[in-house]
Amino acid sequence: MAIKVLVVDDSSFFRRRMSEIINADPRLTVMPQMVKKLKMAIYYVRVWLI
């Protein structure tokens, strides 16, 4: 089972680059919704994990 990672940052370049780095490790998977705002990040974590 892969470890799920949520990438949150206001820079689209940083989010994209971090996703590439994380996805290079087969033990990790980036959540499909990459968001900029903390409130949306918390929402996605609650929805995705419950």
PDB file of N, CA and C in Angstrom:
ATOM      1  N   MET A   1       0.845  -1.183   0.000  1.00  0.00           N
ATOM      2  CA  MET A   1       0.000   0.000   0.000  1.00  0.00           C
ATOM      3  C   MET A   1       0.891   1.248   0.000  1.00  0.00           C
ATOM      4  N   ALA A   2       0.597   2.176  -0.881  1.00  0.00           N
ATOM      5  CA  ALA A   2       1.386   3.393  -1.015  1.00  0.00           C
ATOM      6  C   ALA A   2       1.014   4.410   0.061  1.00  0.00           C
ATOM      7  N   ILE A   3       1.964   5.211   0.424  1.00  0.00           N
ATOM      8  CA  ILE A   3       1.732   6.318   1.347  1.00  0.00           C
ATOM      9  C   ILE A   3       1.203   7.492   0.525  1.00  0.00           C
ATOM     10  N   LYS A   4       0.083   8.038   0.951  1.00  0.00           N
ATOM     11  CA  LYS A   4      -0.544   9.143   0.229  1.00  0.00           C
ATOM     12  C   LYS A   4       0.022  10.472   0.717  1.00  0.00           C
ATOM     13  N   VAL A   5       0.381  11.335  -0.230  1.00  0.00           N
ATOM     14  CA  VAL A   5       0.990  12.627   0.084  1.00  0.00           C
ATOM     15  C   VAL A   5       0.159  13.739  -0.535  1.00  0.00           C
ATOM     16  N   LEU A   6      -0.105  14.762   0.248  1.00  0.00           N
ATOM     17  CA  LEU A   6      -0.800  15.949  -0.248  1.00  0.00           C
ATOM     18  C   LEU A   6       0.216  17.068  -0.383  1.00  0.00           C
ATOM     19  N   VAL A   7       0.370  17.596  -1.576  1.00  0.00           N
ATOM     20  CA  VAL A   7       1.302  18.691  -1.833  1.00  0.00           C
ATOM     21  C   VAL A   7       0.522  19.998  -1.793  1.00  0.00           C
ATOM     22  N   VAL A   8       0.914  20.886  -0.880  1.00  0.00           N
ATOM     23  CA  VAL A   8       0.228  22.171  -0.723  1.00  0.00           C
ATOM     24  C   VAL A   8       1.260  23.289  -0.761  1.00  0.00           C
ATOM     25  N   ASP A   9       1.106  24.182  -1.708  1.00  0.00           N
ATOM     26  CA  ASP A   9       1.967  25.358  -1.802  1.00  0.00           C
ATOM     27  C   ASP A   9       1.308  26.344  -2.744  1.00  0.00           C
ATOM     28  N   ASP A  10       1.651  27.611  -2.615  1.00  0.00           N
ATOM     29  CA  ASP A  10       1.040  28.605  -3.494  1.00  0.00           C
ATOM     30  C   ASP A  10       1.742  28.707  -4.840  1.00  0.00           C
ATOM     31  N   SER A  11       2.873  28.054  -4.989  1.00  0.00           N
ATOM     32  CA  SER A  11       3.617  28.081  -6.249  1.00  0.00           C
ATOM     33  C   SER A  11       3.295  26.835  -7.074  1.00  0.00           C
ATOM     34  N   SER A  12       2.739  27.025  -8.253  1.00  0.00           N
ATOM     35  CA  SER A  12       2.414  25.873  -9.102  1.00  0.00           C
ATOM     36  C   SER A  12       3.678  25.134  -9.536  1.00  0.00           C
ATOM     37  N   PHE A  13       4.772  25.875  -9.754  1.00  0.00           N
ATOM     38  CA  PHE A  13       6.039  25.235 -10.113  1.00  0.00           C
ATOM     39  C   PHE A  13       6.498  24.307  -8.995  1.00  0.00           C
ATOM     40  N   PHE A  14       6.451  24.787  -7.749  1.00  0.00           N
ATOM     41  CA  PHE A  14       6.884  23.981  -6.611  1.00  0.00           C
ATOM     42  C   PHE A  14       6.000  22.748  -6.449  1.00  0.00           C
ATOM     43  N   ARG A  15       4.686  22.919  -6.557  1.00  0.00           N
ATOM     44  CA  ARG A  15       3.778  21.776  -6.437  1.00  0.00           C
ATOM     45  C   ARG A  15       4.069  20.735  -7.506  1.00  0.00           C
ATOM     46  N   ARG A  16       4.262  21.186  -8.726  1.00  0.00           N
ATOM     47  CA  ARG A  16       4.536  20.270  -9.837  1.00  0.00           C
ATOM     48  C   ARG A  16       5.862  19.538  -9.622  1.00  0.00           C
ATOM     49  N   ARG A  17       6.892  20.273  -9.249  1.00  0.00           N
ATOM     50  CA  ARG A  17       8.215  19.669  -9.046  1.00  0.00           C
ATOM     51  C   ARG A  17       8.211  18.685  -7.880  1.00  0.00           C
ATOM     52  N   MET A  18       7.579  19.064  -6.774  1.00  0.00           N
ATOM     53  CA  MET A  18       7.492  18.162  -5.623  1.00  0.00           C
ATOM     54  C   MET A  18       6.713  16.897  -5.982  1.00  0.00           C
ATOM     55  N   SER A  19       5.664  17.046  -6.762  1.00  0.00           N
ATOM     56  CA  SER A  19       4.889  15.876  -7.192  1.00  0.00           C
ATOM     57  C   SER A  19       5.744  14.934  -8.025  1.00  0.00           C
ATOM     58  N   GLU A  20       6.560  15.484  -8.906  1.00  0.00           N
ATOM     59  CA  GLU A  20       7.450  14.651  -9.720  1.00  0.00           C
ATOM     60  C   GLU A  20       8.440  13.890  -8.843  1.00  0.00           C
ATOM     61  N   ILE A  21       9.008  14.576  -7.868  1.00  0.00           N
ATOM     62  CA  ILE A  21       9.979  13.943  -6.971  1.00  0.00           C
ATOM     63  C   ILE A  21       9.317  12.850  -6.143  1.00  0.00           C
ATOM     64  N   ILE A  22       8.161  13.151  -5.591  1.00  0.00           N
ATOM     65  CA  ILE A  22       7.458  12.173  -4.744  1.00  0.00           C
ATOM     66  C   ILE A  22       7.014  10.976  -5.566  1.00  0.00           C
ATOM     67  N   ASN A  23       6.486  11.205  -6.755  1.00  0.00           N
ATOM     68  CA  ASN A  23       6.010  10.101  -7.591  1.00  0.00           C
ATOM     69  C   ASN A  23       7.139   9.205  -8.094  1.00  0.00           C
ATOM     70  N   ALA A  24       8.376   9.672  -8.012  1.00  0.00           N
ATOM     71  CA  ALA A  24       9.518   8.837  -8.413  1.00  0.00           C
ATOM     72  C   ALA A  24       9.734   7.673  -7.448  1.00  0.00           C
ATOM     73  N   ASP A  25       9.223   7.793  -6.244  1.00  0.00           N
ATOM     74  CA  ASP A  25       9.336   6.728  -5.249  1.00  0.00           C
ATOM     75  C   ASP A  25       8.080   5.859  -5.320  1.00  0.00           C
ATOM     76  N   PRO A  26       8.207   4.576  -5.634  1.00  0.00           N
ATOM     77  CA  PRO A  26       7.023   3.722  -5.780  1.00  0.00           C
ATOM     78  C   PRO A  26       6.243   3.511  -4.481  1.00  0.00           C
ATOM     79  N   ARG A  27       6.842   3.839  -3.354  1.00  0.00           N
ATOM     80  CA  ARG A  27       6.138   3.690  -2.072  1.00  0.00           C
ATOM     81  C   ARG A  27       5.227   4.863  -1.776  1.00  0.00           C
ATOM     82  N   LEU A  28       5.336   5.938  -2.573  1.00  0.00           N
ATOM     83  CA  LEU A  28       4.572   7.160  -2.334  1.00  0.00           C
ATOM     84  C   LEU A  28       3.656   7.462  -3.508  1.00  0.00           C
ATOM     85  N   THR A  29       2.537   8.107  -3.218  1.00  0.00           N
ATOM     86  CA  THR A  29       1.645   8.571  -4.273  1.00  0.00           C
ATOM     87  C   THR A  29       1.096   9.944  -3.890  1.00  0.00           C
ATOM     88  N   VAL A  30       1.085  10.849  -4.840  1.00  0.00           N
ATOM     89  CA  VAL A  30       0.576  12.199  -4.596  1.00  0.00           C
ATOM     90  C   VAL A  30      -0.933  12.189  -4.819  1.00  0.00           C
ATOM     91  N   MET A  31      -1.649  12.809  -3.903  1.00  0.00           N
ATOM     92  CA  MET A  31      -3.087  12.933  -4.069  1.00  0.00           C
ATOM     93  C   MET A  31      -3.350  13.712  -5.351  1.00  0.00           C
ATOM     94  N   PRO A  32      -4.382  13.349  -6.104  1.00  0.00           N
ATOM     95  CA  PRO A  32      -4.623  13.980  -7.403  1.00  0.00           C
ATOM     96  C   PRO A  32      -4.958  15.463  -7.334  1.00  0.00           C
ATOM     97  N   GLN A  33      -5.539  15.921  -6.252  1.00  0.00           N
ATOM     98  CA  GLN A  33      -5.894  17.331  -6.140  1.00  0.00           C
ATOM     99  C   GLN A  33      -4.743  18.080  -5.485  1.00  0.00           C
ATOM    100  N   MET A  34      -4.039  18.890  -6.255  1.00  0.00           N
ATOM    101  CA  MET A  34      -2.989  19.729  -5.683  1.00  0.00           C
ATOM    102  C   MET A  34      -3.601  21.103  -5.464  1.00  0.00           C
ATOM    103  N   VAL A  35      -3.600  21.536  -4.223  1.00  0.00           N
ATOM    104  CA  VAL A  35      -4.304  22.772  -3.878  1.00  0.00           C
ATOM    105  C   VAL A  35      -3.359  23.796  -3.277  1.00  0.00           C
ATOM    106  N   LYS A  36      -3.785  25.061  -3.364  1.00  0.00           N
ATOM    107  CA  LYS A  36      -2.958  26.154  -2.863  1.00  0.00           C
ATOM    108  C   LYS A  36      -3.334  26.567  -1.446  1.00  0.00           C
ATOM    109  N   LYS A  37      -4.570  26.453  -1.093  1.00  0.00           N
ATOM    110  CA  LYS A  37      -5.023  27.019   0.169  1.00  0.00           C
ATOM    111  C   LYS A  37      -5.167  25.964   1.250  1.00  0.00           C
ATOM    112  N   LEU A  38      -4.802  26.336   2.449  1.00  0.00           N
ATOM    113  CA  LEU A  38      -4.829  25.403   3.566  1.00  0.00           C
ATOM    114  C   LEU A  38      -6.229  24.860   3.824  1.00  0.00           C
ATOM    115  N   LYS A  39      -7.257  25.694   3.758  1.00  0.00           N
ATOM    116  CA  LYS A  39      -8.622  25.215   4.006  1.00  0.00           C
ATOM    117  C   LYS A  39      -9.015  24.135   3.001  1.00  0.00           C
ATOM    118  N   MET A  40      -8.661  24.329   1.741  1.00  0.00           N
ATOM    119  CA  MET A  40      -8.981  23.327   0.726  1.00  0.00           C
ATOM    120  C   MET A  40      -8.163  22.064   0.958  1.00  0.00           C
ATOM    121  N   ALA A  41      -6.934  22.208   1.397  1.00  0.00           N
ATOM    122  CA  ALA A  41      -6.095  21.039   1.683  1.00  0.00           C
ATOM    123  C   ALA A  41      -6.714  20.207   2.795  1.00  0.00           C
ATOM    124  N   ILE A  42      -7.171  20.868   3.838  1.00  0.00           N
ATOM    125  CA  ILE A  42      -7.807  20.151   4.948  1.00  0.00           C
ATOM    126  C   ILE A  42      -9.075  19.461   4.469  1.00  0.00           C
ATOM    127  N   TYR A  43      -9.858  20.138   3.643  1.00  0.00           N
ATOM    128  CA  TYR A  43     -11.074  19.543   3.089  1.00  0.00           C
ATOM    129  C   TYR A  43     -10.743  18.272   2.309  1.00  0.00           C
ATOM    130  N   TYR A  44      -9.756  18.352   1.410  1.00  0.00           N
ATOM    131  CA  TYR A  44      -9.412  17.191   0.597  1.00  0.00           C
ATOM    132  C   TYR A  44      -8.900  16.044   1.448  1.00  0.00           C
ATOM    133  N   VAL A  45      -8.139  16.332   2.478  1.00  0.00           N
ATOM    134  CA  VAL A  45      -7.654  15.262   3.353  1.00  0.00           C
ATOM    135  C   VAL A  45      -8.828  14.584   4.043  1.00  0.00           C
ATOM    136  N   ARG A  46      -9.755  15.367   4.537  1.00  0.00           N
ATOM    137  CA  ARG A  46     -10.923  14.777   5.220  1.00  0.00           C
ATOM    138  C   ARG A  46     -11.750  13.916   4.256  1.00  0.00           C
ATOM    139  N   VAL A  47     -11.982  14.420   3.071  1.00  0.00           N
ATOM    140  CA  VAL A  47     -12.783  13.683   2.072  1.00  0.00           C
ATOM    141  C   VAL A  47     -12.049  12.428   1.626  1.00  0.00           C
ATOM    142  N   TRP A  48     -10.754  12.546   1.393  1.00  0.00           N
ATOM    143  CA  TRP A  48      -9.972  11.425   0.833  1.00  0.00           C
ATOM    144  C   TRP A  48      -9.738  10.332   1.856  1.00  0.00           C
ATOM    145  N   LEU A  49      -9.620  10.692   3.130  1.00  0.00           N
ATOM    146  CA  LEU A  49      -9.287   9.710   4.149  1.00  0.00           C
ATOM    147  C   LEU A  49     -10.509   9.078   4.798  1.00  0.00           C
ATOM    148  N   ILE A  50     -11.647   9.717   4.655  1.00  0.00           N
ATOM    149  CA  ILE A  50     -12.848   9.188   5.335  1.00  0.00           C
ATOM    150  C   ILE A  50     -13.648   8.330   4.402  1.00  0.00           C
TER     151      ILE A  50
END
